[in-house]
Protein backbone atom coordinates (compact mmCIF):
# COMPACT_ATOMS: atom_id res chain seq x y z
CA MET A 1 2.70 -30.55 15.14
CA ASN A 2 1.10 -27.14 14.73
CA ALA A 3 2.55 -23.80 15.82
CA LEU A 4 0.60 -23.74 19.11
CA GLU A 5 1.94 -27.17 20.09
CA LEU A 6 5.46 -26.22 19.06
CA ALA A 7 5.28 -23.06 21.18
CA ARG A 8 4.49 -25.27 24.18
CA VAL A 9 7.28 -27.80 23.49
CA LEU A 10 10.17 -25.45 22.68
CA PRO A 11 10.40 -23.72 26.10
CA ALA A 12 10.90 -27.11 27.78
CA LEU A 13 13.66 -28.02 25.32
CA LEU A 14 15.32 -24.65 25.85
CA GLU A 15 15.20 -25.22 29.62
CA LEU A 16 16.83 -28.63 29.20
CA GLY A 17 19.45 -27.29 26.82
CA GLN A 18 18.42 -29.82 24.18
CA PRO A 19 19.22 -28.68 20.62
CA ALA A 20 16.13 -28.90 18.40
CA PHE A 21 15.70 -28.91 14.63
CA LEU A 22 12.44 -27.58 13.16
CA TRP A 23 11.40 -29.15 9.87
CA GLY A 24 8.62 -27.90 7.64
CA PRO A 25 7.56 -26.59 4.25
CA PRO A 26 8.47 -23.04 3.22
CA GLY A 27 6.43 -20.24 4.70
CA VAL A 28 4.90 -22.03 7.73
CA GLY A 29 6.57 -19.77 10.29
CA LYS A 30 9.44 -21.81 11.70
CA SER A 31 11.62 -18.75 12.26
CA SER A 32 8.69 -16.76 13.67
CA VAL A 33 7.95 -19.41 16.30
CA VAL A 34 11.59 -19.49 17.38
CA HIS A 35 11.70 -15.70 17.78
CA GLN A 36 8.37 -15.57 19.64
CA VAL A 37 9.29 -18.37 22.06
CA ALA A 38 12.71 -16.82 22.72
CA ALA A 39 11.16 -13.39 23.31
CA ALA A 40 8.65 -14.88 25.77
CA ALA A 41 11.56 -16.47 27.65
CA GLY A 42 13.51 -13.20 27.65
CA LEU A 43 16.23 -14.62 25.41
CA MET A 44 17.98 -12.81 22.57
CA VAL A 45 18.20 -14.67 19.26
CA ARG A 46 21.42 -14.74 17.27
CA ASP A 47 20.18 -15.67 13.81
CA ILE A 48 22.93 -17.31 11.75
CA ARG A 49 22.00 -18.14 8.14
CA LEU A 50 24.37 -21.00 7.40
CA ALA A 51 23.38 -21.11 3.72
CA MET A 52 25.16 -17.76 3.37
CA CYS A 53 28.28 -18.83 5.28
CA ASP A 54 31.63 -20.34 4.34
CA PRO A 55 33.31 -22.82 6.71
CA THR A 56 35.77 -20.13 7.82
CA ASP A 57 32.86 -17.83 8.74
CA LEU A 58 32.10 -20.20 11.64
CA ARG A 59 35.56 -21.38 12.65
CA GLY A 60 37.12 -17.96 12.21
CA ILE A 61 40.49 -17.11 10.66
CA PRO A 62 43.96 -18.05 11.89
CA PHE A 63 46.46 -15.46 13.09
CA TYR A 64 50.02 -15.68 14.38
CA ASP A 65 50.67 -15.26 18.11
CA PRO A 66 54.28 -13.91 18.22
CA GLU A 67 54.61 -14.42 21.98
CA GLN A 68 53.68 -18.10 21.94
CA ARG A 69 54.98 -18.57 18.38
CA ILE A 70 51.82 -20.49 17.44
CA ALA A 71 48.77 -19.97 15.22
CA ARG A 72 45.50 -19.11 16.95
CA TRP A 73 41.95 -18.73 15.65
CA ALA A 74 39.96 -15.51 15.78
CA PRO A 75 36.28 -16.47 16.23
CA PRO A 76 33.62 -14.52 14.31
CA GLU A 77 32.02 -11.49 15.94
CA PHE A 78 28.49 -12.93 15.74
CA LEU A 79 29.26 -15.72 18.23
CA PRO A 80 28.49 -14.54 21.80
CA LYS A 81 31.12 -14.25 24.51
CA ASP A 82 28.74 -14.22 27.50
CA GLY A 83 25.11 -13.80 28.54
CA HIS A 84 21.98 -15.78 27.71
CA GLY A 85 20.22 -16.39 24.42
CA VAL A 86 19.54 -18.67 21.49
CA ILE A 87 21.89 -19.53 18.63
CA PHE A 88 19.48 -20.08 15.75
CA LEU A 89 21.04 -21.91 12.79
CA ASP A 90 18.42 -21.12 10.18
CA GLU A 91 18.43 -22.96 6.83
CA LEU A 92 20.94 -25.42 8.29
CA ASN A 93 20.28 -28.15 5.73
CA ALA A 94 20.49 -25.62 2.88
CA ALA A 95 24.15 -25.07 3.76
CA PRO A 96 26.73 -27.02 1.73
CA PRO A 97 28.22 -30.11 3.42
CA ALA A 98 31.46 -28.28 4.24
CA VAL A 99 29.55 -25.63 6.19
CA GLN A 100 27.43 -28.25 7.96
CA ALA A 101 30.65 -30.02 8.91
CA ALA A 102 31.94 -26.78 10.43
CA ALA A 103 28.76 -26.64 12.52
CA TYR A 104 29.36 -30.18 13.89
CA GLN A 105 31.51 -29.12 16.79
CA LEU A 106 29.30 -26.19 17.75
CA VAL A 107 26.21 -28.39 17.98
CA LEU A 108 27.88 -31.53 19.35
CA ASP A 109 30.41 -30.04 21.77
CA ARG A 110 29.31 -26.36 22.03
CA LYS A 111 32.80 -25.45 20.80
CA LEU A 112 34.50 -24.20 17.64
CA GLY A 113 38.23 -24.66 17.92
CA GLU A 114 39.31 -22.51 20.88
CA TYR A 115 35.88 -20.88 21.16
CA THR A 116 33.34 -22.18 23.72
CA LEU A 117 29.65 -21.29 23.60
CA PRO A 118 28.55 -19.65 26.89
CA GLU A 119 26.47 -21.86 29.21
CA GLY A 120 23.52 -19.48 28.99
CA TYR A 121 23.05 -20.10 25.25
CA ARG A 122 20.84 -22.76 23.65
CA ILE A 123 20.97 -24.07 20.07
CA LEU A 124 18.00 -24.29 17.72
CA ALA A 125 18.01 -24.91 13.98
CA ALA A 126 15.48 -25.01 11.15
CA GLY A 127 15.23 -26.11 7.56
CA ASN A 128 12.93 -27.08 4.73
CA ARG A 129 12.05 -30.56 3.54
CA GLN A 130 13.49 -32.04 0.36
CA SER A 131 9.96 -33.14 -0.61
CA ASP A 132 9.01 -29.45 -0.98
CA LEU A 133 11.61 -29.04 -3.75
CA ALA A 134 13.70 -26.75 -1.54
CA VAL A 135 17.46 -26.54 -2.14
CA VAL A 136 18.66 -28.76 0.69
CA TYR A 137 21.51 -31.15 1.40
CA ARG A 138 21.24 -34.36 3.36
CA MET A 139 22.14 -33.70 6.97
CA PRO A 140 25.00 -35.96 8.12
CA SER A 141 23.86 -38.64 10.57
CA PRO A 142 26.09 -37.54 13.50
CA LEU A 143 24.72 -34.01 13.25
CA ALA A 144 21.10 -35.12 12.80
CA ASN A 145 21.38 -37.42 15.81
CA ARG A 146 22.27 -34.49 18.07
CA PHE A 147 18.93 -32.75 17.49
CA CYS A 148 15.42 -33.33 18.74
CA HIS A 149 13.50 -33.23 15.42
CA LEU A 150 10.15 -31.42 15.36
CA GLU A 151 8.07 -31.16 12.18
CA LEU A 152 5.89 -28.07 11.88
CA GLU A 153 2.75 -28.43 9.78
CA PRO A 154 0.51 -25.56 8.67
CA ASP A 155 -2.53 -25.19 10.89
CA LEU A 156 -5.36 -22.76 10.21
CA GLU A 157 -6.41 -22.34 13.83
CA SER A 158 -2.88 -21.41 14.92
CA TRP A 159 -2.46 -19.01 11.99
CA ARG A 160 -5.85 -17.40 12.55
CA ARG A 161 -5.13 -16.71 16.23
CA TRP A 162 -1.73 -15.32 15.34
CA ALA A 163 -3.30 -13.09 12.67
CA TYR A 164 -5.93 -11.77 15.09
CA ALA A 165 -3.23 -11.02 17.68
CA ARG A 166 -1.18 -9.14 15.06
CA GLY A 167 -4.19 -7.12 13.92
CA LEU A 168 -3.97 -8.34 10.32
CA ASN A 169 -6.86 -7.63 7.96
CA PRO A 170 -9.72 -9.90 9.18
CA ALA A 171 -10.91 -10.57 5.62
CA VAL A 172 -7.97 -12.92 5.03
CA ALA A 173 -8.74 -14.97 8.16
CA GLY A 174 -12.38 -15.12 7.06
CA PHE A 175 -11.44 -16.25 3.56
CA LEU A 176 -9.11 -18.98 4.82
CA SER A 177 -11.81 -20.21 7.21
CA PHE A 178 -14.01 -20.52 4.11
CA ARG A 179 -11.21 -22.10 1.99
CA PRO A 180 -8.81 -23.79 4.47
CA GLN A 181 -7.19 -25.80 1.65
CA LEU A 182 -5.51 -22.57 0.50
CA LEU A 183 -3.56 -21.93 3.70
CA LEU A 184 -0.72 -23.89 2.09
CA ALA A 185 -1.16 -24.93 -1.54
CA PHE A 186 2.16 -25.92 -3.05
CA ASP A 187 1.89 -27.20 -6.62
CA ARG A 188 4.99 -29.26 -7.35
CA GLU A 189 4.21 -29.13 -11.07
CA LYS A 190 4.40 -25.33 -11.05
CA ALA A 191 7.22 -24.83 -8.57
CA GLY A 192 9.07 -21.55 -8.85
CA GLY A 193 6.21 -19.05 -8.83
CA ALA A 194 4.04 -17.54 -6.13
CA PHE A 195 1.89 -19.93 -4.11
CA PRO A 196 -0.15 -19.71 -0.90
CA THR A 197 1.64 -20.19 2.43
CA PRO A 198 0.93 -18.81 5.92
CA ARG A 199 3.72 -16.27 5.30
CA SER A 200 2.41 -15.13 1.92
CA TRP A 201 -1.12 -14.69 3.34
CA GLU A 202 0.39 -12.29 5.86
CA PHE A 203 1.72 -10.28 2.90
CA VAL A 204 -1.76 -10.33 1.35
CA ALA A 205 -3.36 -9.08 4.58
CA ARG A 206 -0.99 -6.12 4.57
CA ILE A 207 -1.73 -5.41 0.91
CA LEU A 208 -5.47 -5.32 1.63
CA SER A 209 -4.88 -2.81 4.42
CA ALA A 210 -2.65 -0.56 2.31
CA GLN A 211 -4.17 2.87 1.83
CA ASN A 212 -2.21 3.90 -1.26
CA LEU A 213 -2.75 0.83 -3.47
CA PRO A 214 -5.14 1.51 -6.39
CA GLU A 215 -8.12 -0.84 -6.60
CA GLU A 216 -7.18 -1.93 -10.11
CA SER A 217 -3.72 -3.03 -8.91
CA ARG A 218 -4.91 -5.34 -6.14
CA LEU A 219 -5.20 -8.44 -8.31
CA ALA A 220 -1.63 -8.10 -9.60
CA ALA A 221 -0.21 -7.43 -6.13
CA ILE A 222 -2.07 -10.31 -4.48
CA SER A 223 -1.28 -12.67 -7.36
CA GLY A 224 2.38 -11.88 -6.84
CA CYS A 225 2.09 -13.24 -3.29
CA VAL A 226 -0.21 -16.28 -3.57
CA GLY A 227 -0.67 -16.91 -7.29
CA GLN A 228 -3.44 -15.80 -9.63
CA ALA A 229 -5.95 -18.57 -8.88
CA ALA A 230 -5.94 -17.94 -5.13
CA ALA A 231 -6.00 -14.17 -5.70
CA ILE A 232 -9.10 -14.39 -7.92
CA GLU A 233 -10.87 -16.53 -5.31
CA LEU A 234 -9.99 -14.08 -2.55
CA LEU A 235 -11.23 -11.04 -4.46
CA ALA A 236 -14.49 -12.84 -5.32
CA PHE A 237 -14.91 -13.63 -1.63
CA LEU A 238 -14.24 -10.00 -0.71
CA GLU A 239 -16.85 -8.80 -3.19
CA VAL A 240 -19.47 -10.98 -1.48
CA ALA A 241 -18.16 -10.09 1.99
CA SER A 242 -18.42 -6.38 1.20
CA ARG A 243 -22.13 -6.74 1.80
CA LEU A 244 -21.69 -7.87 5.39
CA PRO A 245 -23.20 -5.76 8.18
CA ASP A 246 -20.99 -3.48 10.25
CA ALA A 247 -19.55 -5.41 13.21
CA ASN A 248 -19.51 -2.36 15.48
CA ALA A 249 -23.17 -1.69 14.68
CA ILE A 250 -23.97 -5.25 15.81
CA LEU A 251 -22.03 -4.92 19.06
CA ASP A 252 -23.55 -1.50 19.71
CA GLY A 253 -27.06 -2.93 19.39
CA LYS A 254 -27.93 -1.12 16.13
CA TYR A 255 -28.18 -4.22 13.95
CA ASP A 256 -29.10 -7.82 14.68
CA SER A 257 -29.90 -9.59 11.40
CA VAL A 258 -27.82 -12.60 10.32
CA PRO A 259 -26.57 -12.81 6.70
CA ALA A 260 -27.79 -15.74 4.63
CA GLN A 261 -24.59 -16.45 2.68
CA LEU A 262 -21.99 -18.65 4.37
CA SER A 263 -19.06 -16.73 2.88
CA VAL A 264 -20.40 -13.51 4.40
CA ILE A 265 -20.73 -15.15 7.82
CA TYR A 266 -17.13 -16.38 7.65
CA ALA A 267 -15.97 -12.81 7.04
CA LEU A 268 -18.32 -11.43 9.68
CA VAL A 269 -16.96 -13.69 12.44
CA GLY A 270 -13.48 -12.22 12.03
CA SER A 271 -14.81 -8.66 11.99
CA LEU A 272 -16.82 -9.28 15.17
CA ILE A 273 -13.74 -10.55 17.01
CA TYR A 274 -11.68 -7.52 15.94
CA ALA A 275 -14.47 -5.14 16.92
CA LEU A 276 -14.92 -6.74 20.34
CA ARG A 277 -11.17 -6.78 20.95
CA SER A 278 -10.94 -3.05 20.21
CA ASN A 279 -13.70 -2.29 22.74
CA PRO A 280 -14.59 -5.24 25.03
CA SER A 281 -17.09 -3.39 27.22
CA PRO A 282 -19.58 -5.58 29.15
CA GLU A 283 -22.44 -4.44 26.90
CA ARG A 284 -20.60 -5.24 23.68
CA ARG A 285 -19.41 -8.56 25.11
CA ASP A 286 -23.02 -9.50 25.98
CA ARG A 287 -24.22 -8.58 22.50
CA PHE A 288 -21.39 -10.64 20.98
CA VAL A 289 -22.56 -13.71 22.91
CA SER A 290 -26.21 -13.05 22.01
CA TYR A 291 -25.48 -12.51 18.34
CA THR A 292 -23.36 -15.63 17.98
CA MET A 293 -26.27 -17.65 19.36
CA LYS A 294 -28.20 -16.67 16.22
CA LEU A 295 -25.49 -18.02 13.92
CA PRO A 296 -25.36 -21.58 12.59
CA ALA A 297 -23.74 -23.80 15.22
CA GLU A 298 -20.34 -24.16 13.50
CA PHE A 299 -19.97 -20.37 13.24
CA ALA A 300 -21.11 -19.81 16.83
CA VAL A 301 -18.45 -22.23 18.05
CA LEU A 302 -15.79 -20.74 15.75
CA ALA A 303 -16.52 -17.21 16.99
CA ALA A 304 -16.48 -18.22 20.66
CA ARG A 305 -13.28 -20.26 20.36
CA GLU A 306 -11.42 -17.44 18.65
CA ALA A 307 -12.68 -14.83 21.12
CA LEU A 308 -11.66 -16.97 24.09
CA ALA A 309 -8.25 -17.59 22.52
CA MET A 310 -7.87 -13.79 22.42
CA LYS A 311 -8.55 -13.72 26.19
CA LEU A 312 -11.89 -11.98 25.75
CA PRO A 313 -13.95 -12.71 28.91
CA LEU A 314 -17.09 -14.23 27.39
CA GLY A 315 -17.63 -16.26 30.57
CA GLU A 316 -18.46 -13.05 32.45
CA SER A 317 -21.53 -12.48 30.29
CA PRO A 318 -24.86 -13.39 31.96
CA ARG A 319 -25.84 -14.95 28.60
CA TRP A 320 -22.85 -17.29 28.55
CA ALA A 321 -24.58 -20.04 30.52
CA ARG A 322 -27.30 -20.15 27.87
CA TRP A 323 -24.65 -20.23 25.13
CA ILE A 324 -22.97 -23.23 26.80
CA GLU A 325 -26.31 -24.95 27.19
CA ARG A 326 -26.90 -24.68 23.45
CA PHE A 327 -23.40 -25.23 22.02
CA GLY A 328 -21.36 -26.72 24.85
CA ASP A 329 -21.48 -30.26 23.46
CA LEU A 330 -20.00 -29.07 20.16
CA VAL A 331 -17.15 -27.29 21.95
CA LEU A 332 -16.35 -30.39 23.99
């Protein structure tokens, strides 16, 4: 499932108290989805990286009770004593078997020795797939059987909407719309270096927006995030896209021509959405609808879908009925 679908499923599982395990390749945003869903539900996340733990880090350490003349266990500080939240066992299957075994009781019985997890806490976990050459251990069957397993796949539409909402550089969203195969491009033959993932494209978007990075250093910096081949393609795309018209000029009624090159239109769609989001006045909204009607059908639909996903009220435009008449069948 994609990130949008996962964000709809997880709240129901949290409500039911059903532990869930999120599978997926590196860099697709498993941890981000967990934190966003928890924040939307008003729940604090206790992020426990089991790959960095020893078995005693979970169970705690024994100490002598002189009054009862018995040994007791002191649970770790990071386990909650009360309240509501999410225990997030990240990189669960990257933890050695002994650590996974220590997590058995927490996941199965919500206990660790004398410690009991508060009723207001839910358990989620995440990990990478062995097929992606990640360092993982086979999850024991009793532990695996306790989880609802959800596999997260990279999805351009979900990433693009997330990027627009975060205000990331629109050129990256435009480039990935033009080259969707590069959203996640893991080469098993060249494992170990930089490669494109949704996470690494976020890094690239921030690099492009950096004010203090010299122009001649951009290729090296971007290559370090997504690899040299993808970096060269992106910079070539940006060189073409640099000739695109100003999105604010279009929405302010000062420019109405449509570029001829497809790569430029891909970049322009993202810029138009950002510009409208920054100032969604009725006049600019109407010009957005009118201008997209001049674009090739696939770009008109792309622009409208993304704008509506950003809660921009295109339906209030008097030109919207005409837009639907022309492109409505493609949207449906």
